[in-house]
PDB file of all heavy atoms in Angstrom:
ATOM      1  N   LYS A   1      38.702  90.980   9.385  1.00  0.00           N
ATOM      2  CA  LYS A   1      37.788  91.787  10.251  1.00  0.00           C
ATOM      3  C   LYS A   1      36.343  91.560   9.657  1.00  0.00           C
ATOM      4  O   LYS A   1      35.409  91.575  10.469  1.00  0.00           O
ATOM      5  CB  LYS A   1      38.167  93.211  10.108  1.00  0.00           C
ATOM      6  CG  LYS A   1      39.398  93.682  10.881  1.00  0.00           C
ATOM      7  CD  LYS A   1      39.526  95.128  10.664  1.00  0.00           C
ATOM      8  CE  LYS A   1      41.085  95.553  10.898  1.00  0.00           C
ATOM      9  NZ  LYS A   1      41.374  96.932  10.629  1.00  0.00           N
ATOM     10  N   ALA A   2      36.286  91.430   8.333  1.00  0.00           N
ATOM     11  CA  ALA A   2      34.966  91.370   7.617  1.00  0.00           C
ATOM     12  C   ALA A   2      34.255  90.172   8.034  1.00  0.00           C
ATOM     13  O   ALA A   2      34.811  89.096   8.207  1.00  0.00           O
ATOM     14  CB  ALA A   2      35.056  91.583   6.235  1.00  0.00           C
ATOM     15  N   GLY A   3      32.866  90.278   8.038  1.00  0.00           N
ATOM     16  CA  GLY A   3      32.109  89.042   8.309  1.00  0.00           C
ATOM     17  C   GLY A   3      32.206  88.033   7.184  1.00  0.00           C
ATOM     18  O   GLY A   3      32.560  88.363   6.132  1.00  0.00           O
ATOM     19  N   ALA A   4      31.986  86.771   7.598  1.00  0.00           N
ATOM     20  CA  ALA A   4      32.231  85.673   6.623  1.00  0.00           C
ATOM     21  C   ALA A   4      30.870  85.021   6.306  1.00  0.00           C
ATOM     22  O   ALA A   4      30.077  84.652   7.097  1.00  0.00           O
ATOM     23  CB  ALA A   4      33.097  84.543   7.251  1.00  0.00           C
ATOM     24  N   ARG A   5      30.558  85.051   4.912  1.00  0.00           N
ATOM     25  CA  ARG A   5      29.236  84.527   4.495  1.00  0.00           C
ATOM     26  C   ARG A   5      29.228  82.892   4.522  1.00  0.00           C
ATOM     27  O   ARG A   5      30.173  82.295   4.139  1.00  0.00           O
ATOM     28  CB  ARG A   5      29.052  84.979   2.983  1.00  0.00           C
ATOM     29  CG  ARG A   5      27.647  84.738   2.494  1.00  0.00           C
ATOM     30  CD  ARG A   5      27.443  85.258   1.157  1.00  0.00           C
ATOM     31  NE  ARG A   5      28.341  84.638   0.167  1.00  0.00           N
ATOM     32  CZ  ARG A   5      28.027  83.473  -0.533  1.00  0.00           C
ATOM     33  NH1 ARG A   5      26.862  82.945  -0.298  1.00  0.00           N
ATOM     34  NH2 ARG A   5      28.881  83.012  -1.538  1.00  0.00           N
ATOM     35  N   PHE A   6      28.158  82.432   5.100  1.00  0.00           N
ATOM     36  CA  PHE A   6      28.016  81.018   5.169  1.00  0.00           C
ATOM     37  C   PHE A   6      27.455  80.589   3.953  1.00  0.00           C
ATOM     38  O   PHE A   6      26.336  80.717   3.586  1.00  0.00           O
ATOM     39  CB  PHE A   6      26.950  80.732   6.355  1.00  0.00           C
ATOM     40  CG  PHE A   6      26.961  79.281   6.719  1.00  0.00           C
ATOM     41  CD1 PHE A   6      27.724  78.834   7.770  1.00  0.00           C
ATOM     42  CD2 PHE A   6      26.132  78.409   6.066  1.00  0.00           C
ATOM     43  CE1 PHE A   6      27.697  77.451   8.200  1.00  0.00           C
ATOM     44  CE2 PHE A   6      26.094  77.011   6.368  1.00  0.00           C
ATOM     45  CZ  PHE A   6      26.846  76.532   7.521  1.00  0.00           C
ATOM     46  N   ASP A   7      28.316  79.658   3.248  1.00  0.00           N
ATOM     47  CA  ASP A   7      27.959  79.188   1.945  1.00  0.00           C
ATOM     48  C   ASP A   7      27.821  77.590   2.114  1.00  0.00           C
ATOM     49  O   ASP A   7      28.812  76.913   2.093  1.00  0.00           O
ATOM     50  CB  ASP A   7      29.004  79.490   0.892  1.00  0.00           C
ATOM     51  CG  ASP A   7      28.875  79.026  -0.467  1.00  0.00           C
ATOM     52  OD1 ASP A   7      27.830  78.336  -0.673  1.00  0.00           O
ATOM     53  OD2 ASP A   7      29.600  79.346  -1.393  1.00  0.00           O
ATOM     54  N   ILE A   8      26.562  77.146   2.108  1.00  0.00           N
ATOM     55  CA  ILE A   8      26.263  75.678   2.281  1.00  0.00           C
ATOM     56  C   ILE A   8      26.886  74.862   1.076  1.00  0.00           C
ATOM     57  O   ILE A   8      27.194  73.757   1.277  1.00  0.00           O
ATOM     58  CB  ILE A   8      24.811  75.377   2.605  1.00  0.00           C
ATOM     59  CG1 ILE A   8      24.609  74.005   3.107  1.00  0.00           C
ATOM     60  CG2 ILE A   8      24.009  75.622   1.340  1.00  0.00           C
ATOM     61  CD1 ILE A   8      25.298  73.728   4.475  1.00  0.00           C
ATOM     62  N   ASP A   9      26.841  75.463  -0.094  1.00  0.00           N
ATOM     63  CA  ASP A   9      27.460  74.755  -1.263  1.00  0.00           C
ATOM     64  C   ASP A   9      28.926  74.537  -1.042  1.00  0.00           C
ATOM     65  O   ASP A   9      29.399  73.465  -1.465  1.00  0.00           O
ATOM     66  CB  ASP A   9      27.162  75.533  -2.564  1.00  0.00           C
ATOM     67  CG  ASP A   9      25.748  75.600  -2.986  1.00  0.00           C
ATOM     68  OD1 ASP A   9      25.015  74.572  -2.594  1.00  0.00           O
ATOM     69  OD2 ASP A   9      25.268  76.558  -3.436  1.00  0.00           O
ATOM     70  N   LYS A  10      29.581  75.462  -0.469  1.00  0.00           N
ATOM     71  CA  LYS A  10      31.010  75.255  -0.177  1.00  0.00           C
ATOM     72  C   LYS A  10      31.205  74.159   0.873  1.00  0.00           C
ATOM     73  O   LYS A  10      32.104  73.291   0.808  1.00  0.00           O
ATOM     74  CB  LYS A  10      31.664  76.499   0.261  1.00  0.00           C
ATOM     75  CG  LYS A  10      33.132  76.428   0.411  1.00  0.00           C
ATOM     76  CD  LYS A  10      33.805  76.365  -1.021  1.00  0.00           C
ATOM     77  CE  LYS A  10      35.330  76.404  -0.870  1.00  0.00           C
ATOM     78  NZ  LYS A  10      35.918  76.282  -2.135  1.00  0.00           N
ATOM     79  N   MET A  11      30.301  74.074   1.852  1.00  0.00           N
ATOM     80  CA  MET A  11      30.259  73.116   2.816  1.00  0.00           C
ATOM     81  C   MET A  11      30.132  71.659   2.174  1.00  0.00           C
ATOM     82  O   MET A  11      30.800  70.671   2.560  1.00  0.00           O
ATOM     83  CB  MET A  11      29.165  73.267   3.863  1.00  0.00           C
ATOM     84  CG  MET A  11      29.096  72.285   4.960  1.00  0.00           C
ATOM     85  SD  MET A  11      30.444  72.091   6.098  1.00  0.00           S
ATOM     86  CE  MET A  11      30.935  70.452   5.838  1.00  0.00           C
ATOM     87  N   LYS A  12      29.220  71.605   1.266  1.00  0.00           N
ATOM     88  CA  LYS A  12      29.018  70.362   0.500  1.00  0.00           C
ATOM     89  C   LYS A  12      30.145  69.962  -0.232  1.00  0.00           C
ATOM     90  O   LYS A  12      30.546  68.703  -0.288  1.00  0.00           O
ATOM     91  CB  LYS A  12      27.781  70.430  -0.406  1.00  0.00           C
ATOM     92  CG  LYS A  12      26.414  70.419   0.362  1.00  0.00           C
ATOM     93  CD  LYS A  12      25.238  70.699  -0.502  1.00  0.00           C
ATOM     94  CE  LYS A  12      23.922  70.745   0.296  1.00  0.00           C
ATOM     95  NZ  LYS A  12      22.783  71.142  -0.431  1.00  0.00           N
ATOM     96  N   TRP A  13      30.895  70.876  -0.843  1.00  0.00           N
ATOM     97  CA  TRP A  13      32.108  70.684  -1.477  1.00  0.00           C
ATOM     98  C   TRP A  13      33.097  70.089  -0.680  1.00  0.00           C
ATOM     99  O   TRP A  13      33.873  69.058  -0.950  1.00  0.00           O
ATOM    100  CB  TRP A  13      32.554  71.905  -2.233  1.00  0.00           C
ATOM    101  CG  TRP A  13      33.881  71.725  -2.932  1.00  0.00           C
ATOM    102  CD1 TRP A  13      34.043  71.307  -4.252  1.00  0.00           C
ATOM    103  CD2 TRP A  13      35.201  71.967  -2.460  1.00  0.00           C
ATOM    104  NE1 TRP A  13      35.369  71.267  -4.546  1.00  0.00           N
ATOM    105  CE2 TRP A  13      36.106  71.651  -3.448  1.00  0.00           C
ATOM    106  CE3 TRP A  13      35.726  72.399  -1.304  1.00  0.00           C
ATOM    107  CZ2 TRP A  13      37.533  71.754  -3.332  1.00  0.00           C
ATOM    108  CZ3 TRP A  13      37.040  72.476  -1.087  1.00  0.00           C
ATOM    109  CH2 TRP A  13      37.934  72.216  -2.059  1.00  0.00           C
ATOM    110  N   PHE A  14      33.321  70.664   0.530  1.00  0.00           N
ATOM    111  CA  PHE A  14      34.279  70.080   1.573  1.00  0.00           C
ATOM    112  C   PHE A  14      33.848  68.665   1.870  1.00  0.00           C
ATOM    113  O   PHE A  14      34.743  67.785   1.974  1.00  0.00           O
ATOM    114  CB  PHE A  14      34.269  70.981   2.804  1.00  0.00           C
ATOM    115  CG  PHE A  14      35.315  72.020   2.801  1.00  0.00           C
ATOM    116  CD1 PHE A  14      34.875  73.451   2.600  1.00  0.00           C
ATOM    117  CD2 PHE A  14      36.660  71.860   2.857  1.00  0.00           C
ATOM    118  CE1 PHE A  14      35.761  74.353   2.635  1.00  0.00           C
ATOM    119  CE2 PHE A  14      37.524  72.850   2.738  1.00  0.00           C
ATOM    120  CZ  PHE A  14      37.137  74.195   2.681  1.00  0.00           C
ATOM    121  N   ASN A  15      32.569  68.422   2.048  1.00  0.00           N
ATOM    122  CA  ASN A  15      32.157  67.031   2.354  1.00  0.00           C
ATOM    123  C   ASN A  15      32.520  65.997   1.350  1.00  0.00           C
ATOM    124  O   ASN A  15      32.973  64.842   1.610  1.00  0.00           O
ATOM    125  CB  ASN A  15      30.653  67.028   2.668  1.00  0.00           C
ATOM    126  CG  ASN A  15      30.239  66.048   3.766  1.00  0.00           C
ATOM    127  OD1 ASN A  15      30.822  66.278   4.918  1.00  0.00           O
ATOM    128  ND2 ASN A  15      29.615  64.982   3.515  1.00  0.00           N
ATOM    129  N   GLN A  16      32.385  66.515   0.093  1.00  0.00           N
ATOM    130  CA  GLN A  16      32.629  65.638  -1.079  1.00  0.00           C
ATOM    131  C   GLN A  16      34.160  65.307  -1.109  1.00  0.00           C
ATOM    132  O   GLN A  16      34.644  64.248  -1.299  1.00  0.00           O
ATOM    133  CB  GLN A  16      32.297  66.333  -2.411  1.00  0.00           C
ATOM    134  CG  GLN A  16      32.377  65.446  -3.565  1.00  0.00           C
ATOM    135  CD  GLN A  16      31.965  66.057  -4.869  1.00  0.00           C
ATOM    136  OE1 GLN A  16      32.193  67.238  -4.970  1.00  0.00           O
ATOM    137  NE2 GLN A  16      31.386  65.371  -5.732  1.00  0.00           N
ATOM    138  N   GLN A  17      35.006  66.427  -0.860  1.00  0.00           N
ATOM    139  CA  GLN A  17      36.397  66.266  -0.860  1.00  0.00           C
ATOM    140  C   GLN A  17      36.820  65.163   0.297  1.00  0.00           C
ATOM    141  O   GLN A  17      37.651  64.388  -0.068  1.00  0.00           O
ATOM    142  CB  GLN A  17      37.201  67.531  -0.511  1.00  0.00           C
ATOM    143  CG  GLN A  17      36.909  68.563  -1.522  1.00  0.00           C
ATOM    144  CD  GLN A  17      37.138  68.129  -3.000  1.00  0.00           C
ATOM    145  OE1 GLN A  17      38.311  67.736  -3.356  1.00  0.00           O
ATOM    146  NE2 GLN A  17      36.200  68.213  -3.872  1.00  0.00           N
ATOM    147  N   TYR A  18      36.212  65.293   1.430  1.00  0.00           N
ATOM    148  CA  TYR A  18      36.563  64.468   2.509  1.00  0.00           C
ATOM    149  C   TYR A  18      35.934  63.024   2.275  1.00  0.00           C
ATOM    150  O   TYR A  18      36.609  61.991   2.731  1.00  0.00           O
ATOM    151  CB  TYR A  18      36.041  64.905   3.881  1.00  0.00           C
ATOM    152  CG  TYR A  18      37.028  65.878   4.458  1.00  0.00           C
ATOM    153  CD1 TYR A  18      37.069  67.174   4.139  1.00  0.00           C
ATOM    154  CD2 TYR A  18      37.911  65.487   5.440  1.00  0.00           C
ATOM    155  CE1 TYR A  18      38.014  68.039   4.585  1.00  0.00           C
ATOM    156  CE2 TYR A  18      38.852  66.256   5.956  1.00  0.00           C
ATOM    157  CZ  TYR A  18      38.981  67.602   5.572  1.00  0.00           C
ATOM    158  OH  TYR A  18      39.855  68.546   6.065  1.00  0.00           O
ATOM    159  N   MET A  19      34.981  62.869   1.447  1.00  0.00           N
ATOM    160  CA  MET A  19      34.449  61.584   1.090  1.00  0.00           C
ATOM    161  C   MET A  19      35.526  60.783   0.288  1.00  0.00           C
ATOM    162  O   MET A  19      35.752  59.586   0.451  1.00  0.00           O
ATOM    163  CB  MET A  19      33.233  61.830   0.100  1.00  0.00           C
ATOM    164  CG  MET A  19      32.506  60.510  -0.250  1.00  0.00           C
ATOM    165  SD  MET A  19      31.119  60.282   0.956  1.00  0.00           S
ATOM    166  CE  MET A  19      30.464  58.694   0.338  1.00  0.00           C
ATOM    167  N   GLN A  20      36.207  61.522  -0.543  1.00  0.00           N
ATOM    168  CA  GLN A  20      37.292  60.773  -1.285  1.00  0.00           C
ATOM    169  C   GLN A  20      38.401  60.468  -0.418  1.00  0.00           C
ATOM    170  O   GLN A  20      39.130  59.489  -0.661  1.00  0.00           O
ATOM    171  CB  GLN A  20      37.835  61.805  -2.428  1.00  0.00           C
ATOM    172  CG  GLN A  20      36.896  62.522  -3.253  1.00  0.00           C
ATOM    173  CD  GLN A  20      35.633  61.704  -3.616  1.00  0.00           C
ATOM    174  OE1 GLN A  20      35.669  60.537  -4.103  1.00  0.00           O
ATOM    175  NE2 GLN A  20      34.399  62.274  -3.423  1.00  0.00           N
ATOM    176  N   LEU A  21      38.726  61.188   0.627  1.00  0.00           N
ATOM    177  CA  LEU A  21      39.919  60.959   1.547  1.00  0.00           C
ATOM    178  C   LEU A  21      39.557  59.827   2.581  1.00  0.00           C
ATOM    179  O   LEU A  21      40.606  59.236   3.127  1.00  0.00           O
ATOM    180  CB  LEU A  21      40.230  62.259   2.360  1.00  0.00           C
ATOM    181  CG  LEU A  21      40.696  63.391   1.486  1.00  0.00           C
ATOM    182  CD1 LEU A  21      40.742  64.651   2.324  1.00  0.00           C
ATOM    183  CD2 LEU A  21      41.989  63.104   0.814  1.00  0.00           C
ATOM    184  N   LYS A  22      38.272  59.547   2.702  1.00  0.00           N
ATOM    185  CA  LYS A  22      37.930  58.593   3.730  1.00  0.00           C
ATOM    186  C   LYS A  22      38.408  57.083   3.177  1.00  0.00           C
ATOM    187  O   LYS A  22      38.272  56.835   2.024  1.00  0.00           O
ATOM    188  CB  LYS A  22      36.369  58.457   4.036  1.00  0.00           C
ATOM    189  CG  LYS A  22      35.887  59.729   4.673  1.00  0.00           C
ATOM    190  CD  LYS A  22      36.218  59.890   6.041  1.00  0.00           C
ATOM    191  CE  LYS A  22      35.758  61.212   6.637  1.00  0.00           C
ATOM    192  NZ  LYS A  22      36.289  61.491   8.003  1.00  0.00           N
ATOM    193  N   SER A  23      38.640  56.141   4.061  1.00  0.00           N
ATOM    194  CA  SER A  23      39.051  54.772   3.627  1.00  0.00           C
ATOM    195  C   SER A  23      37.692  54.147   3.169  1.00  0.00           C
ATOM    196  O   SER A  23      36.575  54.389   3.677  1.00  0.00           O
ATOM    197  CB  SER A  23      39.595  54.030   4.729  1.00  0.00           C
ATOM    198  OG  SER A  23      38.663  53.747   5.721  1.00  0.00           O
ATOM    199  N   ASN A  24      37.833  53.265   2.166  1.00  0.00           N
ATOM    200  CA  ASN A  24      36.608  52.465   1.649  1.00  0.00           C
ATOM    201  C   ASN A  24      36.049  51.686   2.797  1.00  0.00           C
ATOM    202  O   ASN A  24      34.745  51.515   2.893  1.00  0.00           O
ATOM    203  CB  ASN A  24      37.062  51.588   0.502  1.00  0.00           C
ATOM    204  CG  ASN A  24      37.487  52.311  -0.678  1.00  0.00           C
ATOM    205  OD1 ASN A  24      37.072  53.484  -0.869  1.00  0.00           O
ATOM    206  ND2 ASN A  24      38.454  51.852  -1.481  1.00  0.00           N
ATOM    207  N   GLU A  25      36.921  51.242   3.750  1.00  0.00           N
ATOM    208  CA  GLU A  25      36.413  50.396   4.847  1.00  0.00           C
ATOM    209  C   GLU A  25      35.506  51.180   5.691  1.00  0.00           C
ATOM    210  O   GLU A  25      34.463  50.723   6.082  1.00  0.00           O
ATOM    211  CB  GLU A  25      37.616  49.914   5.594  1.00  0.00           C
ATOM    212  CG  GLU A  25      37.307  48.949   6.767  1.00  0.00           C
ATOM    213  CD  GLU A  25      38.499  48.560   7.578  1.00  0.00           C
ATOM    214  OE1 GLU A  25      39.631  48.963   7.228  1.00  0.00           O
ATOM    215  OE2 GLU A  25      38.327  47.775   8.485  1.00  0.00           O
ATOM    216  N   SER A  26      35.885  52.336   6.031  1.00  0.00           N
ATOM    217  CA  SER A  26      35.146  53.173   7.019  1.00  0.00           C
ATOM    218  C   SER A  26      33.802  53.635   6.377  1.00  0.00           C
ATOM    219  O   SER A  26      32.759  53.612   6.958  1.00  0.00           O
ATOM    220  CB  SER A  26      35.806  54.426   7.581  1.00  0.00           C
ATOM    221  OG  SER A  26      36.067  55.316   6.418  1.00  0.00           O
ATOM    222  N   LEU A  27      33.864  53.962   5.190  1.00  0.00           N
ATOM    223  CA  LEU A  27      32.605  54.250   4.459  1.00  0.00           C
ATOM    224  C   LEU A  27      31.688  53.145   4.236  1.00  0.00           C
ATOM    225  O   LEU A  27      30.515  53.268   4.299  1.00  0.00           O
ATOM    226  CB  LEU A  27      32.944  54.898   2.977  1.00  0.00           C
ATOM    227  CG  LEU A  27      33.631  56.240   3.001  1.00  0.00           C
ATOM    228  CD1 LEU A  27      34.097  56.592   1.577  1.00  0.00           C
ATOM    229  CD2 LEU A  27      32.829  57.382   3.642  1.00  0.00           C
ATOM    230  N   ALA A  28      32.273  51.891   4.064  1.00  0.00           N
ATOM    231  CA  ALA A  28      31.491  50.787   3.874  1.00  0.00           C
ATOM    232  C   ALA A  28      30.771  50.434   5.175  1.00  0.00           C
ATOM    233  O   ALA A  28      29.528  50.006   5.159  1.00  0.00           O
ATOM    234  CB  ALA A  28      32.319  49.426   3.510  1.00  0.00           C
ATOM    235  N   VAL A  29      31.365  50.571   6.298  1.00  0.00           N
ATOM    236  CA  VAL A  29      30.664  50.376   7.545  1.00  0.00           C
ATOM    237  C   VAL A  29      29.614  51.331   7.828  1.00  0.00           C
ATOM    238  O   VAL A  29      28.529  51.001   8.227  1.00  0.00           O
ATOM    239  CB  VAL A  29      31.822  50.455   8.724  1.00  0.00           C
ATOM    240  CG1 VAL A  29      31.105  50.436  10.239  1.00  0.00           C
ATOM    241  CG2 VAL A  29      32.829  49.269   8.648  1.00  0.00           C
ATOM    242  N   ALA A  30      29.755  52.552   7.489  1.00  0.00           N
ATOM    243  CA  ALA A  30      28.842  53.663   7.604  1.00  0.00           C
ATOM    244  C   ALA A  30      27.601  53.415   6.725  1.00  0.00           C
ATOM    245  O   ALA A  30      26.511  53.564   7.173  1.00  0.00           O
ATOM    246  CB  ALA A  30      29.368  54.952   7.339  1.00  0.00           C
ATOM    247  N   PHE A  31      27.962  53.004   5.540  1.00  0.00           N
ATOM    248  CA  PHE A  31      26.965  52.705   4.398  1.00  0.00           C
ATOM    249  C   PHE A  31      25.982  51.539   4.974  1.00  0.00           C
ATOM    250  O   PHE A  31      24.758  51.509   4.802  1.00  0.00           O
ATOM    251  CB  PHE A  31      27.654  52.373   3.144  1.00  0.00           C
ATOM    252  CG  PHE A  31      26.748  52.200   2.007  1.00  0.00           C
ATOM    253  CD1 PHE A  31      25.411  52.758   1.897  1.00  0.00           C
ATOM    254  CD2 PHE A  31      27.109  51.517   0.835  1.00  0.00           C
ATOM    255  CE1 PHE A  31      24.665  52.588   0.789  1.00  0.00           C
ATOM    256  CE2 PHE A  31      26.369  51.349  -0.247  1.00  0.00           C
ATOM    257  CZ  PHE A  31      25.022  51.928  -0.254  1.00  0.00           C
ATOM    258  N   GLN A  32      26.682  50.523   5.437  1.00  0.00           N
ATOM    259  CA  GLN A  32      25.935  49.271   5.948  1.00  0.00           C
ATOM    260  C   GLN A  32      25.011  49.630   7.071  1.00  0.00           C
ATOM    261  O   GLN A  32      23.867  49.241   7.033  1.00  0.00           O
ATOM    262  CB  GLN A  32      26.842  48.228   6.339  1.00  0.00           C
ATOM    263  CG  GLN A  32      26.281  46.877   6.562  1.00  0.00           C
ATOM    264  CD  GLN A  32      27.225  45.744   6.931  1.00  0.00           C
ATOM    265  OE1 GLN A  32      28.163  46.000   7.695  1.00  0.00           O
ATOM    266  NE2 GLN A  32      27.022  44.665   6.292  1.00  0.00           N
ATOM    267  N   LYS A  33      25.433  50.589   7.985  1.00  0.00           N
ATOM    268  CA  LYS A  33      24.652  50.961   9.039  1.00  0.00           C
ATOM    269  C   LYS A  33      23.426  51.804   8.576  1.00  0.00           C
ATOM    270  O   LYS A  33      22.395  51.783   9.088  1.00  0.00           O
ATOM    271  CB  LYS A  33      25.392  51.870  10.046  1.00  0.00           C
ATOM    272  CG  LYS A  33      26.318  51.011  10.927  1.00  0.00           C
ATOM    273  CD  LYS A  33      26.941  51.931  11.935  1.00  0.00           C
ATOM    274  CE  LYS A  33      27.879  51.240  12.771  1.00  0.00           C
ATOM    275  NZ  LYS A  33      28.886  52.200  13.518  1.00  0.00           N
ATOM    276  N   GLU A  34      23.655  52.461   7.502  1.00  0.00           N
ATOM    277  CA  GLU A  34      22.631  53.413   6.968  1.00  0.00           C
ATOM    278  C   GLU A  34      21.369  52.663   6.374  1.00  0.00           C
ATOM    279  O   GLU A  34      20.368  53.129   6.309  1.00  0.00           O
ATOM    280  CB  GLU A  34      23.351  54.288   5.777  1.00  0.00           C
ATOM    281  CG  GLU A  34      22.473  55.281   5.171  1.00  0.00           C
ATOM    282  CD  GLU A  34      22.590  56.557   5.776  1.00  0.00           C
ATOM    283  OE1 GLU A  34      23.348  56.939   6.683  1.00  0.00           O
ATOM    284  OE2 GLU A  34      21.754  57.509   5.309  1.00  0.00           O
TER     285      GLU A  34
END
């Protein structure tokens, strides 16, 4: 019921976790485009 606080540091933590789960191949393609 209670409101949920938006914590951007937690969002960054999730992004870091997903970075580890991504294949090296998909990250390499994204990195090359970048």
